[in-house]
């Protein structure tokens, strides 16, 4: 689960590094990718449906940037963050209307198979989630480091004005960041809705809120922080849920609360996050 949260947190970080905007519409991108996959898998099969879902979420992300966010370029970043909240409300409302009260399956090939090694039982879906997340994150980090798009994004994150003067097209960088974030969210949606969870439902998008502490405590401008933060949140949530019966004196629902408690403690110690960049200002 930590690796899945890392995928979602990486989407937050990608957009923040490219635009310095906190994207609160990320939950709706996740729901959109999952909905497309769930709607098509019976007709065209799981793997084609998954590819269409990933592409669809990427297109939705790019469309949000091109049709909405680009119109507000030059506005204060807090204004842009509020705009993403409005986008999220619109997209989530439409998607939840389509889903209704149904619980949609995504037709994954792993089913409810479980691997048992001694006293440990692990669902095949969890193994697949970890492997897929590790591969995708590795590919992203390599692209971020060695491709022209990655160099352009790092330059834009370091100094947008200087990058623009050197010929970096900031609009293209921002568009690519939103598309990549949407694609990562669609993959995360798959592994959030397979066994042992019942499937895709209206509340699935709330999982993105659990990844938000991962991005914050790792540092919103740090890809490494997104990975470490995701793993921390996943492990913390699992431990708190697993030992809930022994922690009843703290109340029910501790597993849902634990990631935010960890985030608060870390931010009290390191306000920029574990790997976030400290900004210095001359006064």
Protein backbone atom coordinates (compact mmCIF):
# COMPACT_ATOMS: atom_id res chain seq x y z
CA UNK A 1 0.00 0.00 0.00
CA UNK A 2 2.89 2.31 0.69
CA UNK A 3 4.12 1.87 -2.87
CA UNK A 4 0.66 2.74 -4.21
CA UNK A 5 0.54 5.85 -2.03
CA UNK A 6 4.00 6.70 -3.36
CA UNK A 7 2.61 6.63 -6.92
CA UNK A 8 -0.14 9.05 -5.95
CA UNK A 9 2.24 11.27 -3.98
CA UNK A 10 4.59 11.34 -6.97
CA UNK A 11 1.76 12.86 -8.98
CA UNK A 12 1.41 15.65 -6.41
CA UNK A 13 5.17 16.27 -6.54
CA UNK A 14 5.42 16.26 -10.35
CA UNK A 15 2.81 18.99 -10.69
CA UNK A 16 4.22 21.01 -7.81
CA UNK A 17 7.74 20.92 -9.22
CA UNK A 18 6.53 22.00 -12.65
CA UNK A 19 4.06 24.69 -11.58
CA UNK A 20 4.49 25.25 -7.81
CA UNK A 21 0.78 24.53 -7.47
CA UNK A 22 -0.68 22.05 -4.99
CA UNK A 23 -3.09 19.98 -7.07
CA UNK A 24 -6.24 19.18 -5.09
CA UNK A 25 -7.86 17.75 -8.25
CA UNK A 26 -5.62 14.69 -8.11
CA UNK A 27 -8.36 12.57 -6.50
CA UNK A 28 -10.65 13.13 -9.47
CA UNK A 29 -7.90 12.10 -11.91
CA UNK A 30 -7.55 8.85 -9.96
CA UNK A 31 -11.29 8.25 -10.07
CA UNK A 32 -11.44 9.03 -13.80
CA UNK A 33 -8.73 6.52 -14.68
CA UNK A 34 -10.32 3.80 -12.57
CA UNK A 35 -13.79 4.47 -14.01
CA UNK A 36 -12.62 4.19 -17.63
CA UNK A 37 -10.85 0.89 -16.89
CA UNK A 38 -13.87 -0.51 -15.05
CA UNK A 39 -16.24 0.52 -17.85
CA UNK A 40 -14.25 -1.05 -20.69
CA UNK A 41 -12.71 -4.25 -19.33
CA UNK A 42 -15.76 -6.42 -20.16
CA UNK A 43 -15.74 -5.26 -23.80
CA UNK A 44 -12.06 -5.13 -24.74
CA UNK A 45 -10.30 -7.07 -21.98
CA UNK A 46 -8.37 -6.00 -18.91
CA UNK A 47 -5.01 -4.96 -20.34
CA UNK A 48 -6.38 -2.85 -23.24
CA UNK A 49 -8.89 -1.30 -20.83
CA UNK A 50 -6.10 -0.46 -18.39
CA UNK A 51 -4.07 1.21 -21.15
CA UNK A 52 -7.11 3.22 -22.24
CA UNK A 53 -7.76 4.17 -18.61
CA UNK A 54 -4.17 5.37 -18.15
CA UNK A 55 -4.34 7.33 -21.41
CA UNK A 56 -7.74 8.72 -20.49
CA UNK A 57 -6.56 9.97 -17.09
CA UNK A 58 -3.52 11.53 -18.76
CA UNK A 59 -5.76 13.29 -21.29
CA UNK A 60 -8.07 14.55 -18.53
CA UNK A 61 -5.05 15.90 -16.63
CA UNK A 62 -3.67 17.60 -19.74
CA UNK A 63 -7.12 19.04 -20.54
CA UNK A 64 -7.45 20.51 -17.03
CA UNK A 65 -4.06 22.19 -17.42
CA UNK A 66 -4.74 23.49 -20.94
CA UNK A 67 -8.36 24.56 -20.55
CA UNK A 68 -8.35 25.78 -16.94
CA UNK A 69 -4.99 26.21 -15.26
CA UNK A 70 -3.29 27.91 -18.19
CA UNK A 71 -5.95 30.64 -18.12
CA UNK A 72 -4.85 31.56 -14.61
CA UNK A 73 -1.12 31.68 -15.31
CA UNK A 74 0.46 34.55 -13.43
CA UNK A 75 -2.05 34.40 -10.58
CA UNK A 76 -0.94 33.73 -7.02
CA UNK A 77 -0.29 30.04 -6.35
CA UNK A 78 -2.86 29.95 -3.57
CA UNK A 79 -5.49 31.09 -6.10
CA UNK A 80 -4.46 28.29 -8.46
CA UNK A 81 -4.72 25.75 -5.63
CA UNK A 82 -8.29 26.92 -4.97
CA UNK A 83 -9.04 26.56 -8.69
CA UNK A 84 -7.96 22.90 -8.52
CA UNK A 85 -10.44 22.40 -5.67
CA UNK A 86 -13.21 23.67 -7.96
CA UNK A 87 -12.04 21.37 -10.77
CA UNK A 88 -12.02 18.43 -8.37
CA UNK A 89 -15.58 19.15 -7.25
CA UNK A 90 -16.82 19.30 -10.85
CA UNK A 91 -15.07 16.14 -12.01
CA UNK A 92 -15.81 14.11 -8.88
CA UNK A 93 -19.48 15.09 -8.92
CA UNK A 94 -19.89 13.91 -12.51
CA UNK A 95 -17.97 10.67 -11.93
CA UNK A 96 -19.85 9.81 -8.73
CA UNK A 97 -23.10 10.47 -10.58
CA UNK A 98 -22.07 7.92 -13.20
CA UNK A 99 -20.89 5.35 -10.65
CA UNK A 100 -23.91 5.81 -8.41
CA UNK A 101 -24.21 3.20 -5.68
CA UNK A 102 -22.49 0.50 -7.74
CA UNK A 103 -19.18 -1.13 -6.86
CA UNK A 104 -17.31 -1.64 -10.13
CA UNK A 105 -14.74 -4.35 -10.67
CA UNK A 106 -11.74 -3.75 -12.90
CA UNK A 107 -11.38 -7.34 -14.13
CA UNK A 108 -7.79 -7.78 -12.98
CA UNK A 109 -6.12 -11.15 -13.65
CA UNK A 110 -4.96 -11.75 -10.06
CA UNK A 111 -8.36 -12.26 -8.47
CA UNK A 112 -8.28 -13.26 -4.81
CA UNK A 113 -5.17 -15.45 -5.05
CA UNK A 114 -2.93 -15.41 -1.99
CA UNK A 115 0.72 -16.35 -1.58
CA UNK A 116 1.48 -18.08 1.71
CA UNK A 117 5.06 -18.30 3.01
CA UNK A 118 5.14 -19.84 6.46
CA UNK A 119 2.90 -17.75 8.75
CA UNK A 120 2.73 -14.87 6.24
CA UNK A 121 -0.07 -14.55 3.69
CA UNK A 122 0.15 -11.92 0.97
CA UNK A 123 -2.37 -11.23 -1.79
CA UNK A 124 -1.03 -11.46 -5.35
CA UNK A 125 -2.55 -8.05 -5.97
CA UNK A 126 -0.28 -6.54 -3.28
CA UNK A 127 2.78 -8.15 -4.86
CA UNK A 128 1.75 -6.86 -8.28
CA UNK A 129 1.19 -3.39 -6.81
CA UNK A 130 4.67 -3.28 -5.32
CA UNK A 131 6.36 -4.53 -8.49
CA UNK A 132 4.40 -2.21 -10.77
CA UNK A 133 4.99 0.80 -8.54
CA UNK A 134 8.72 0.03 -8.30
CA UNK A 135 9.02 -0.27 -12.10
CA UNK A 136 7.02 2.89 -12.82
CA UNK A 137 8.87 4.95 -10.23
CA UNK A 138 12.24 3.73 -11.56
CA UNK A 139 11.26 4.61 -15.13
CA UNK A 140 10.05 8.02 -14.01
CA UNK A 141 13.22 8.79 -12.07
CA UNK A 142 15.39 7.76 -15.03
CA UNK A 143 13.31 9.91 -17.38
CA UNK A 144 13.39 12.77 -14.90
CA UNK A 145 17.16 12.52 -14.77
CA UNK A 146 18.21 11.79 -18.34
CA UNK A 147 15.53 12.91 -20.82
CA UNK A 148 15.08 16.40 -22.24
CA UNK A 149 11.64 16.57 -20.64
CA UNK A 150 13.13 15.77 -17.25
CA UNK A 151 15.87 18.35 -17.67
CA UNK A 152 13.28 20.94 -18.72
CA UNK A 153 11.14 20.15 -15.68
CA UNK A 154 14.08 20.39 -13.30
CA UNK A 155 15.09 23.70 -14.88
CA UNK A 156 11.54 25.05 -14.61
CA UNK A 157 11.38 23.97 -10.97
CA UNK A 158 14.72 25.62 -10.18
CA UNK A 159 14.03 28.96 -11.87
CA UNK A 160 11.06 29.39 -14.23
CA UNK A 161 12.19 32.79 -15.48
CA UNK A 162 15.71 31.61 -16.31
CA UNK A 163 14.37 28.42 -17.90
CA UNK A 164 12.03 30.43 -20.12
CA UNK A 165 14.88 32.73 -21.20
CA UNK A 166 16.92 29.63 -22.11
CA UNK A 167 14.18 28.38 -24.40
CA UNK A 168 12.29 25.99 -22.12
CA UNK A 169 8.59 26.06 -23.00
CA UNK A 170 6.97 26.25 -19.60
CA UNK A 171 3.50 25.54 -20.96
CA UNK A 172 4.66 22.27 -22.47
CA UNK A 173 6.41 21.29 -19.23
CA UNK A 174 3.27 22.00 -17.22
CA UNK A 175 1.08 20.09 -19.69
CA UNK A 176 3.39 17.08 -19.51
CA UNK A 177 3.42 17.18 -15.71
CA UNK A 178 -0.38 17.08 -15.51
CA UNK A 179 -0.52 14.23 -18.03
CA UNK A 180 2.09 12.18 -16.15
CA UNK A 181 0.28 12.79 -12.85
CA UNK A 182 -2.98 11.58 -14.39
CA UNK A 183 -1.35 8.42 -15.74
CA UNK A 184 0.22 7.60 -12.36
CA UNK A 185 -3.13 8.19 -10.66
CA UNK A 186 -4.86 5.74 -13.04
CA UNK A 187 -2.35 2.99 -12.19
CA UNK A 188 -2.80 3.72 -8.49
CA UNK A 189 -6.59 3.49 -8.93
CA UNK A 190 -6.20 -0.08 -10.18
CA UNK A 191 -4.32 -1.28 -7.12
CA UNK A 192 -6.58 0.61 -4.73
CA UNK A 193 -9.65 -1.22 -6.05
CA UNK A 194 -8.47 -4.83 -6.47
CA UNK A 195 -8.59 -7.59 -3.84
CA UNK A 196 -8.94 -7.35 -0.87
CA UNK A 197 -11.02 -4.20 -1.50
CA UNK A 198 -14.44 -4.77 -3.13
CA UNK A 199 -13.87 -2.55 -6.17
CA UNK A 200 -14.22 1.00 -7.50
CA UNK A 201 -16.81 3.09 -5.70
CA UNK A 202 -17.57 6.71 -5.06
CA UNK A 203 -15.33 6.85 -2.00
CA UNK A 204 -12.27 5.52 -3.86
CA UNK A 205 -11.07 9.03 -4.62
CA UNK A 206 -10.68 9.63 -0.88
CA UNK A 207 -7.59 7.40 -1.00
CA UNK A 208 -5.78 10.26 -2.71
CA UNK A 209 -6.23 12.25 0.49
CA UNK A 210 -4.18 9.60 2.31
CA UNK A 211 -1.37 10.14 -0.18
CA UNK A 212 -1.41 13.87 0.45
CA UNK A 213 0.31 13.49 3.85
CA UNK A 214 2.90 11.31 2.07
CA UNK A 215 3.74 14.13 -0.34
CA UNK A 216 3.75 16.74 2.43
CA UNK A 217 5.87 14.89 4.95
CA UNK A 218 8.36 13.84 2.27
CA UNK A 219 8.60 17.36 0.85
CA UNK A 220 6.35 18.62 -1.95
CA UNK A 221 9.31 19.41 -4.20
CA UNK A 222 11.13 16.10 -3.67
CA UNK A 223 10.59 12.94 -5.73
CA UNK A 224 12.59 10.98 -3.18
CA UNK A 225 10.39 12.43 -0.45
CA UNK A 226 7.28 11.17 -2.26
CA UNK A 227 8.64 7.63 -2.25
CA UNK A 228 9.71 7.67 1.39
CA UNK A 229 6.53 9.45 2.44
CA UNK A 230 4.34 6.94 0.62
CA UNK A 231 6.04 4.01 2.29
CA UNK A 232 5.81 5.69 5.70
CA UNK A 233 2.10 6.37 5.29
CA UNK A 234 1.37 2.86 4.02
CA UNK A 235 3.27 1.12 6.82
CA UNK A 236 1.84 3.44 9.49
CA UNK A 237 -1.73 2.93 8.30
CA UNK A 238 -1.33 -0.85 8.11
CA UNK A 239 0.24 -1.11 11.57
CA UNK A 240 -2.36 1.14 13.16
CA UNK A 241 -5.18 -0.83 11.54
CA UNK A 242 -3.63 -4.21 12.36
CA UNK A 243 -3.12 -3.38 16.04
CA UNK A 244 -6.40 -1.48 16.38
CA UNK A 245 -7.76 -4.00 18.91
CA UNK A 246 -4.82 -3.33 21.22
CA UNK A 247 -5.12 0.44 20.90
CA UNK A 248 -8.80 0.84 21.66
CA UNK A 249 -8.00 3.44 24.32
CA UNK A 250 -7.11 5.78 21.44
CA UNK A 251 -10.52 5.35 19.83
CA UNK A 252 -11.75 3.73 16.63
CA UNK A 253 -10.54 4.58 13.14
CA UNK A 254 -6.93 5.06 14.18
CA UNK A 255 -5.70 3.65 10.87
CA UNK A 256 -7.30 6.51 8.95
CA UNK A 257 -5.94 9.10 11.37
CA UNK A 258 -2.40 7.73 11.76
CA UNK A 259 -0.92 9.17 8.50
CA UNK A 260 -1.99 12.68 9.49
CA UNK A 261 -0.53 12.26 12.96
CA UNK A 262 2.81 11.20 11.46
CA UNK A 263 2.69 14.15 9.05
CA UNK A 264 2.03 16.59 11.90
CA UNK A 265 4.89 15.25 14.02
CA UNK A 266 7.38 15.37 11.14
CA UNK A 267 6.34 18.88 10.10
CA UNK A 268 6.81 20.10 13.67
CA UNK A 269 10.41 18.87 13.46
CA UNK A 270 11.11 19.62 9.78
CA UNK A 271 8.63 22.19 8.41
CA UNK A 272 9.82 21.64 4.82
CA UNK A 273 9.35 17.87 5.06
CA UNK A 274 11.96 15.14 5.25
CA UNK A 275 13.53 15.95 1.88
CA UNK A 276 11.93 19.31 1.07
CA UNK A 277 14.01 22.31 0.06
CA UNK A 278 14.35 25.07 2.64
CA UNK A 279 13.80 28.46 1.03
CA UNK A 280 15.96 31.32 2.20
CA UNK A 281 14.81 34.93 1.81
CA UNK A 282 16.84 38.12 2.25
CA UNK A 283 15.02 40.55 4.55
